[in-house]
Amino acid sequence: MKIETEIRAKGYGRKAEGIMLHHRKYLNPQADMAMAFIERWGVVAAKPDGEDAAGRQKLALLTIDEVVDRAFEMADKAFDRAEALGWVIPTPSLDELDEESLRDSNR
């Protein structure tokens, strides 16, 4: 996935008033959690890889695919558990909020 970013500048040079960045794609909270897992454990997650000459356990880093699969499986499991525990709070859609705002302004 490639995330496209639009850049808008108001003014130019010394008269510039600001720059706005707008990403065309965003990750949802579940994907954010998976990315956090990858950041934290992606370079340290290991699996057994035999023994060295002295009989000590050797470890091999997980492959990139293994790290990503594990991170997304963990995020899926965490969100499923949160929902099972009732920790997911439903919120109204933007359309419902707009409708409610219109009703409130007409009172």
Protein backbone atom coordinates (compact mmCIF):
# COMPACT_ATOMS: atom_id res chain seq x y z
CA MET A 1 0.00 0.00 0.00
CA LYS A 2 1.32 3.39 -0.90
CA ILE A 3 0.04 6.35 1.08
CA GLU A 4 -0.37 9.41 -1.08
CA THR A 5 0.14 12.75 0.59
CA GLU A 6 -1.13 16.05 -0.74
CA ILE A 7 0.76 19.17 0.24
CA ARG A 8 -0.82 22.60 0.11
CA ALA A 9 1.00 25.79 0.93
CA LYS A 10 -0.67 29.11 1.63
CA GLY A 11 1.64 31.79 0.37
CA TYR A 12 5.22 31.32 -0.71
CA GLY A 13 8.67 32.03 0.68
CA ARG A 14 8.82 34.50 3.56
CA LYS A 15 5.14 35.30 3.12
CA ALA A 16 4.08 31.68 3.59
CA GLU A 17 1.34 31.36 6.18
CA GLY A 18 1.48 27.59 6.54
CA ILE A 19 1.63 24.18 4.99
CA MET A 20 -1.11 21.57 5.14
CA LEU A 21 -0.44 17.86 4.69
CA HIS A 22 -3.33 15.59 3.80
CA HIS A 23 -2.85 11.81 3.62
CA ARG A 24 -5.21 10.10 1.20
CA LYS A 25 -5.29 6.84 3.20
CA TYR A 26 -5.26 6.25 6.95
CA LEU A 27 -4.86 3.14 9.05
CA ASN A 28 -7.69 2.21 11.39
CA PRO A 29 -6.96 1.65 15.11
CA GLN A 30 -6.56 -2.11 14.63
CA ALA A 31 -3.90 -1.59 11.95
CA ASP A 32 -2.24 1.08 14.14
CA MET A 33 -1.96 -1.50 16.92
CA ALA A 34 -0.40 -4.04 14.53
CA MET A 35 2.09 -1.40 13.37
CA ALA A 36 2.98 -0.66 17.00
CA PHE A 37 3.65 -4.37 17.57
CA ILE A 38 5.88 -4.45 14.48
CA GLU A 39 7.78 -1.35 15.69
CA ARG A 40 8.32 -2.80 19.16
CA TRP A 41 9.15 -6.42 18.35
CA GLY A 42 9.99 -6.54 14.67
CA VAL A 43 13.75 -6.58 15.17
CA VAL A 44 13.87 -8.66 18.37
CA ALA A 45 11.30 -11.43 17.87
CA ALA A 46 13.11 -14.73 17.54
CA LYS A 47 12.54 -18.46 17.30
CA PRO A 48 14.75 -21.41 18.33
CA ASP A 49 17.48 -22.19 15.80
CA GLY A 50 19.38 -25.15 17.22
CA GLU A 51 22.42 -24.96 19.46
CA ASP A 52 25.88 -23.50 19.13
CA ALA A 53 29.11 -25.53 19.58
CA ALA A 54 28.91 -25.08 23.37
CA GLY A 55 25.35 -26.44 23.51
CA ARG A 56 23.69 -23.07 24.09
CA GLN A 57 20.36 -22.26 22.48
CA LYS A 58 20.70 -20.32 19.22
CA LEU A 59 17.96 -17.99 18.06
CA ALA A 60 17.00 -16.78 14.60
CA LEU A 61 15.05 -13.64 13.90
CA LEU A 62 11.53 -14.17 12.63
CA THR A 63 11.12 -13.48 8.94
CA ILE A 64 9.41 -10.25 7.94
CA ASP A 65 6.29 -12.20 6.96
CA GLU A 66 6.27 -13.97 10.34
CA VAL A 67 6.60 -10.67 12.22
CA VAL A 68 3.80 -9.04 10.22
CA ASP A 69 1.51 -12.08 10.49
CA ARG A 70 2.07 -12.29 14.25
CA ALA A 71 1.46 -8.56 14.74
CA PHE A 72 -1.83 -8.62 12.82
CA GLU A 73 -2.97 -11.83 14.54
CA MET A 74 -2.26 -10.19 17.92
CA ALA A 75 -4.16 -7.04 16.94
CA ASP A 76 -7.12 -9.11 15.68
CA LYS A 77 -7.18 -11.12 18.90
CA ALA A 78 -6.94 -7.97 21.06
CA PHE A 79 -9.83 -6.25 19.25
CA ASP A 80 -11.94 -9.43 19.31
CA ARG A 81 -11.35 -9.76 23.07
CA ALA A 82 -12.21 -6.08 23.65
CA GLU A 83 -15.48 -6.56 21.80
CA ALA A 84 -16.26 -9.79 23.70
CA LEU A 85 -15.67 -7.96 26.98
CA GLY A 86 -17.97 -5.11 25.95
CA TRP A 87 -15.10 -2.63 25.77
CA VAL A 88 -16.09 -1.42 22.29
CA ILE A 89 -18.34 1.63 22.49
CA PRO A 90 -20.58 2.22 19.48
CA THR A 91 -20.61 5.77 18.19
CA PRO A 92 -23.01 7.43 15.77
CA SER A 93 -22.05 7.87 12.13
CA LEU A 94 -21.20 11.31 10.76
CA ASP A 95 -24.58 11.38 8.99
CA GLU A 96 -26.36 10.65 12.29
CA LEU A 97 -24.38 13.41 14.01
CA ASP A 98 -25.28 15.84 11.21
CA GLU A 99 -28.96 14.92 11.55
CA GLU A 100 -28.84 15.36 15.31
CA SER A 101 -27.10 18.71 14.92
CA LEU A 102 -29.81 19.85 12.48
CA ARG A 103 -32.56 18.77 14.89
CA ASP A 104 -30.85 20.62 17.75
CA SER A 105 -30.47 23.81 15.69
CA ASN A 106 -34.17 23.75 14.76
CA ARG A 107 -35.29 23.72 18.38
